Amino acid sequence: LVQLRTGHAPLRKHLYDIQRVDSPICEACNIEPETVLHFLVDCRKRDGHRLPLTLALGRAARSVPVLLSSPDALPPLFQYINQTQRFRSVFGDL
C-alpha cells in the first residue's frame, strides 16, 4: 500500500525509471506506461479483474486517492491486486 501511495511499487514505469526494465509500457495492454493510475484505474485489459472493485465502490473505484486511503476500499483493492497476480512474484498472494 505504501509503495502504491508513493509511486514506488514494482510497476513498469517505476522499474523503468530506476533502470530495471527496458520499457515502461504495461505488459497487459501494451499501450500506456504502467503507472499506479494505469494499473488501478485505466488499463482496459484488467477491467475483468476490476469488476468486483467497481461493484463494491461504485464511482469511487476510479479515484486513486479513495482507493489508497479509504478503509472501506482496502479489502476490494487488495482483492483486485491479488486477482491480477501483478505482484505475485514479489509479494506472493496478498
N, C-alpha and C. Protein backbone atom coordinates (compact mmCIF):
# COMPACT_ATOMS: atom_id res chain seq x y z
N LEU A 1 0.84 -1.20 0.00
CA LEU A 1 0.00 0.00 0.00
C LEU A 1 0.88 1.25 0.00
N VAL A 2 1.90 1.25 0.83
CA VAL A 2 2.80 2.41 0.88
C VAL A 2 3.49 2.60 -0.46
N GLN A 3 3.91 1.51 -1.07
CA GLN A 3 4.57 1.62 -2.37
C GLN A 3 3.63 2.19 -3.43
N LEU A 4 2.38 1.80 -3.41
CA LEU A 4 1.42 2.37 -4.36
C LEU A 4 1.21 3.85 -4.08
N ARG A 5 1.10 4.20 -2.81
CA ARG A 5 0.90 5.61 -2.44
C ARG A 5 2.07 6.49 -2.86
N THR A 6 3.28 5.97 -2.77
CA THR A 6 4.46 6.77 -3.09
C THR A 6 4.89 6.67 -4.55
N GLY A 7 4.25 5.77 -5.31
CA GLY A 7 4.63 5.58 -6.70
C GLY A 7 5.86 4.71 -6.86
N HIS A 8 6.27 4.03 -5.81
CA HIS A 8 7.45 3.18 -5.86
C HIS A 8 7.10 1.70 -5.85
N ALA A 9 5.92 1.37 -6.35
CA ALA A 9 5.51 -0.02 -6.47
C ALA A 9 6.25 -0.64 -7.66
N PRO A 10 6.43 -1.94 -7.67
CA PRO A 10 7.14 -2.58 -8.78
C PRO A 10 6.28 -2.65 -10.05
N LEU A 11 5.87 -1.50 -10.51
CA LEU A 11 5.16 -1.36 -11.78
C LEU A 11 6.18 -0.90 -12.82
N ARG A 12 5.90 -1.15 -14.08
CA ARG A 12 6.90 -0.93 -15.13
C ARG A 12 7.40 0.51 -15.23
N LYS A 13 6.57 1.49 -15.00
CA LYS A 13 7.04 2.88 -15.09
C LYS A 13 8.11 3.15 -14.04
N HIS A 14 7.87 2.73 -12.82
CA HIS A 14 8.87 2.93 -11.76
C HIS A 14 10.12 2.09 -12.05
N LEU A 15 9.93 0.84 -12.45
CA LEU A 15 11.08 -0.01 -12.75
C LEU A 15 11.91 0.54 -13.90
N TYR A 16 11.25 1.14 -14.87
CA TYR A 16 11.96 1.79 -15.98
C TYR A 16 12.75 3.00 -15.47
N ASP A 17 12.14 3.78 -14.61
CA ASP A 17 12.81 4.97 -14.05
C ASP A 17 14.09 4.60 -13.29
N ILE A 18 14.09 3.44 -12.66
CA ILE A 18 15.28 3.02 -11.91
C ILE A 18 16.12 2.01 -12.72
N GLN A 19 15.86 1.95 -14.02
CA GLN A 19 16.64 1.17 -14.98
C GLN A 19 16.65 -0.33 -14.69
N ARG A 20 15.48 -0.86 -14.32
CA ARG A 20 15.36 -2.30 -14.07
C ARG A 20 14.65 -3.03 -15.21
N VAL A 21 13.95 -2.28 -16.07
CA VAL A 21 13.30 -2.85 -17.25
C VAL A 21 13.58 -1.93 -18.44
N ASP A 22 13.42 -2.46 -19.64
CA ASP A 22 13.74 -1.71 -20.86
C ASP A 22 12.63 -0.79 -21.33
N SER A 23 11.41 -1.00 -20.83
CA SER A 23 10.28 -0.21 -21.29
C SER A 23 9.29 0.03 -20.15
N PRO A 24 8.69 1.22 -20.11
CA PRO A 24 7.68 1.49 -19.08
C PRO A 24 6.28 1.02 -19.47
N ILE A 25 6.13 0.50 -20.68
CA ILE A 25 4.80 0.15 -21.20
C ILE A 25 4.22 -1.06 -20.49
N CYS A 26 2.95 -0.95 -20.15
CA CYS A 26 2.20 -2.02 -19.48
C CYS A 26 2.23 -3.29 -20.33
N GLU A 27 2.62 -4.39 -19.73
CA GLU A 27 2.66 -5.66 -20.46
C GLU A 27 1.28 -6.26 -20.68
N ALA A 28 0.29 -5.82 -19.93
CA ALA A 28 -1.07 -6.34 -20.10
C ALA A 28 -1.73 -5.77 -21.36
N CYS A 29 -1.62 -4.45 -21.55
CA CYS A 29 -2.30 -3.82 -22.69
C CYS A 29 -1.35 -3.39 -23.80
N ASN A 30 -0.09 -3.23 -23.49
CA ASN A 30 0.92 -2.78 -24.46
C ASN A 30 0.58 -1.44 -25.10
N ILE A 31 -0.08 -0.55 -24.33
CA ILE A 31 -0.48 0.74 -24.88
C ILE A 31 0.13 1.90 -24.11
N GLU A 32 0.00 1.89 -22.79
CA GLU A 32 0.42 3.04 -21.97
C GLU A 32 1.46 2.60 -20.94
N PRO A 33 2.20 3.58 -20.40
CA PRO A 33 3.10 3.26 -19.29
C PRO A 33 2.30 2.72 -18.10
N GLU A 34 2.86 1.73 -17.45
CA GLU A 34 2.20 1.12 -16.30
C GLU A 34 2.51 1.93 -15.04
N THR A 35 1.70 2.94 -14.80
CA THR A 35 1.77 3.76 -13.61
C THR A 35 0.77 3.23 -12.59
N VAL A 36 0.77 3.81 -11.41
CA VAL A 36 -0.22 3.43 -10.40
C VAL A 36 -1.63 3.71 -10.94
N LEU A 37 -1.84 4.89 -11.52
CA LEU A 37 -3.15 5.23 -12.09
C LEU A 37 -3.55 4.23 -13.17
N HIS A 38 -2.63 3.94 -14.06
CA HIS A 38 -2.94 3.00 -15.14
C HIS A 38 -3.30 1.62 -14.58
N PHE A 39 -2.50 1.11 -13.66
CA PHE A 39 -2.74 -0.21 -13.09
C PHE A 39 -4.05 -0.28 -12.33
N LEU A 40 -4.33 0.72 -11.51
CA LEU A 40 -5.52 0.67 -10.66
C LEU A 40 -6.81 1.05 -11.39
N VAL A 41 -6.73 1.95 -12.37
CA VAL A 41 -7.96 2.54 -12.92
C VAL A 41 -8.10 2.38 -14.43
N ASP A 42 -7.04 2.59 -15.19
CA ASP A 42 -7.17 2.78 -16.63
C ASP A 42 -6.94 1.57 -17.53
N CYS A 43 -6.17 0.60 -17.11
CA CYS A 43 -5.82 -0.50 -18.01
C CYS A 43 -7.05 -1.31 -18.38
N ARG A 44 -7.39 -1.27 -19.66
CA ARG A 44 -8.60 -1.98 -20.15
C ARG A 44 -8.46 -3.50 -20.06
N LYS A 45 -7.26 -4.00 -20.13
CA LYS A 45 -7.05 -5.46 -20.05
C LYS A 45 -7.33 -5.98 -18.64
N ARG A 46 -7.42 -5.10 -17.66
CA ARG A 46 -7.68 -5.51 -16.28
C ARG A 46 -9.11 -5.20 -15.85
N ASP A 47 -9.97 -4.82 -16.78
CA ASP A 47 -11.36 -4.49 -16.44
C ASP A 47 -12.08 -5.66 -15.77
N GLY A 48 -11.85 -6.87 -16.23
CA GLY A 48 -12.49 -8.04 -15.63
C GLY A 48 -12.08 -8.23 -14.18
N HIS A 49 -10.81 -8.02 -13.88
CA HIS A 49 -10.34 -8.12 -12.51
C HIS A 49 -10.89 -6.98 -11.66
N ARG A 50 -11.10 -5.85 -12.29
CA ARG A 50 -11.54 -4.64 -11.59
C ARG A 50 -13.04 -4.65 -11.28
N LEU A 51 -13.82 -5.51 -11.89
CA LEU A 51 -15.27 -5.53 -11.72
C LEU A 51 -15.71 -5.63 -10.26
N PRO A 52 -15.18 -6.55 -9.45
CA PRO A 52 -15.61 -6.59 -8.03
C PRO A 52 -15.28 -5.29 -7.29
N LEU A 53 -14.17 -4.67 -7.63
CA LEU A 53 -13.79 -3.40 -7.03
C LEU A 53 -14.81 -2.33 -7.40
N THR A 54 -15.21 -2.30 -8.65
CA THR A 54 -16.20 -1.33 -9.12
C THR A 54 -17.57 -1.59 -8.48
N LEU A 55 -17.95 -2.85 -8.37
CA LEU A 55 -19.24 -3.18 -7.75
C LEU A 55 -19.25 -2.79 -6.27
N ALA A 56 -18.12 -2.96 -5.60
CA ALA A 56 -18.05 -2.64 -4.17
C ALA A 56 -18.01 -1.14 -3.92
N LEU A 57 -17.35 -0.38 -4.79
CA LEU A 57 -17.11 1.04 -4.51
C LEU A 57 -17.81 2.02 -5.46
N GLY A 58 -18.38 1.52 -6.53
CA GLY A 58 -19.04 2.40 -7.49
C GLY A 58 -18.04 3.34 -8.14
N ARG A 59 -18.43 4.59 -8.32
CA ARG A 59 -17.56 5.58 -8.97
C ARG A 59 -16.27 5.82 -8.20
N ALA A 60 -16.28 5.59 -6.91
CA ALA A 60 -15.07 5.78 -6.10
C ALA A 60 -13.94 4.84 -6.53
N ALA A 61 -14.28 3.75 -7.23
CA ALA A 61 -13.26 2.81 -7.70
C ALA A 61 -12.37 3.43 -8.78
N ARG A 62 -12.76 4.59 -9.31
CA ARG A 62 -11.96 5.28 -10.32
C ARG A 62 -11.12 6.40 -9.72
N SER A 63 -11.10 6.49 -8.41
CA SER A 63 -10.35 7.53 -7.72
C SER A 63 -9.16 6.92 -6.97
N VAL A 64 -7.96 7.20 -7.45
CA VAL A 64 -6.78 6.66 -6.79
C VAL A 64 -6.69 7.12 -5.33
N PRO A 65 -6.94 8.41 -5.03
CA PRO A 65 -6.89 8.81 -3.62
C PRO A 65 -7.85 8.02 -2.73
N VAL A 66 -9.05 7.75 -3.21
CA VAL A 66 -10.00 6.95 -2.43
C VAL A 66 -9.50 5.52 -2.30
N LEU A 67 -9.05 4.95 -3.40
CA LEU A 67 -8.57 3.56 -3.36
C LEU A 67 -7.43 3.36 -2.38
N LEU A 68 -6.57 4.36 -2.28
CA LEU A 68 -5.37 4.20 -1.46
C LEU A 68 -5.49 4.75 -0.04
N SER A 69 -6.66 5.32 0.28
CA SER A 69 -6.78 5.88 1.62
C SER A 69 -8.05 5.50 2.38
N SER A 70 -9.10 5.13 1.69
CA SER A 70 -10.35 4.80 2.37
C SER A 70 -10.28 3.39 2.97
N PRO A 71 -10.56 3.26 4.25
CA PRO A 71 -10.56 1.91 4.86
C PRO A 71 -11.55 0.96 4.18
N ASP A 72 -12.67 1.49 3.69
CA ASP A 72 -13.66 0.65 3.00
C ASP A 72 -13.14 0.14 1.66
N ALA A 73 -12.19 0.85 1.08
CA ALA A 73 -11.67 0.47 -0.24
C ALA A 73 -10.59 -0.59 -0.16
N LEU A 74 -9.95 -0.71 0.98
CA LEU A 74 -8.78 -1.60 1.07
C LEU A 74 -9.07 -3.07 0.81
N PRO A 75 -10.11 -3.68 1.39
CA PRO A 75 -10.35 -5.10 1.08
C PRO A 75 -10.61 -5.36 -0.41
N PRO A 76 -11.51 -4.60 -1.08
CA PRO A 76 -11.67 -4.87 -2.51
C PRO A 76 -10.44 -4.49 -3.34
N LEU A 77 -9.69 -3.49 -2.90
CA LEU A 77 -8.46 -3.12 -3.60
C LEU A 77 -7.47 -4.28 -3.58
N PHE A 78 -7.25 -4.86 -2.41
CA PHE A 78 -6.30 -5.96 -2.32
C PHE A 78 -6.82 -7.22 -3.01
N GLN A 79 -8.13 -7.39 -3.06
CA GLN A 79 -8.71 -8.49 -3.84
C GLN A 79 -8.37 -8.29 -5.32
N TYR A 80 -8.54 -7.06 -5.81
CA TYR A 80 -8.21 -6.75 -7.21
C TYR A 80 -6.73 -7.01 -7.48
N ILE A 81 -5.86 -6.49 -6.61
CA ILE A 81 -4.42 -6.65 -6.81
C ILE A 81 -4.06 -8.13 -6.83
N ASN A 82 -4.63 -8.91 -5.92
CA ASN A 82 -4.35 -10.34 -5.88
C ASN A 82 -4.84 -11.04 -7.14
N GLN A 83 -6.04 -10.67 -7.62
CA GLN A 83 -6.58 -11.29 -8.82
C GLN A 83 -5.74 -11.01 -10.06
N THR A 84 -5.13 -9.83 -10.13
CA THR A 84 -4.29 -9.53 -11.29
C THR A 84 -3.00 -10.33 -11.28
N GLN A 85 -2.59 -10.80 -10.12
CA GLN A 85 -1.34 -11.53 -9.93
C GLN A 85 -0.12 -10.69 -10.32
N ARG A 86 -0.31 -9.39 -10.41
CA ARG A 86 0.76 -8.49 -10.87
C ARG A 86 1.96 -8.47 -9.94
N PHE A 87 1.75 -8.59 -8.64
CA PHE A 87 2.85 -8.52 -7.68
C PHE A 87 3.19 -9.87 -7.06
N ARG A 88 2.63 -10.94 -7.60
CA ARG A 88 2.82 -12.27 -7.01
C ARG A 88 4.29 -12.65 -6.92
N SER A 89 5.08 -12.35 -7.94
CA SER A 89 6.49 -12.74 -7.93
C SER A 89 7.28 -11.99 -6.86
N VAL A 90 6.80 -10.82 -6.46
CA VAL A 90 7.49 -10.01 -5.45
C VAL A 90 6.95 -10.28 -4.05
N PHE A 91 5.61 -10.29 -3.91
CA PHE A 91 4.98 -10.37 -2.59
C PHE A 91 4.23 -11.65 -2.30
N GLY A 92 4.06 -12.51 -3.28
CA GLY A 92 3.22 -13.70 -3.10
C GLY A 92 1.75 -13.31 -3.13
N ASP A 93 0.88 -14.12 -2.56
CA ASP A 93 -0.54 -13.79 -2.51
C ASP A 93 -0.78 -12.69 -1.49
N LEU A 94 -1.62 -11.73 -1.86
CA LEU A 94 -1.93 -10.61 -0.96
C LEU A 94 -3.29 -10.82 -0.31
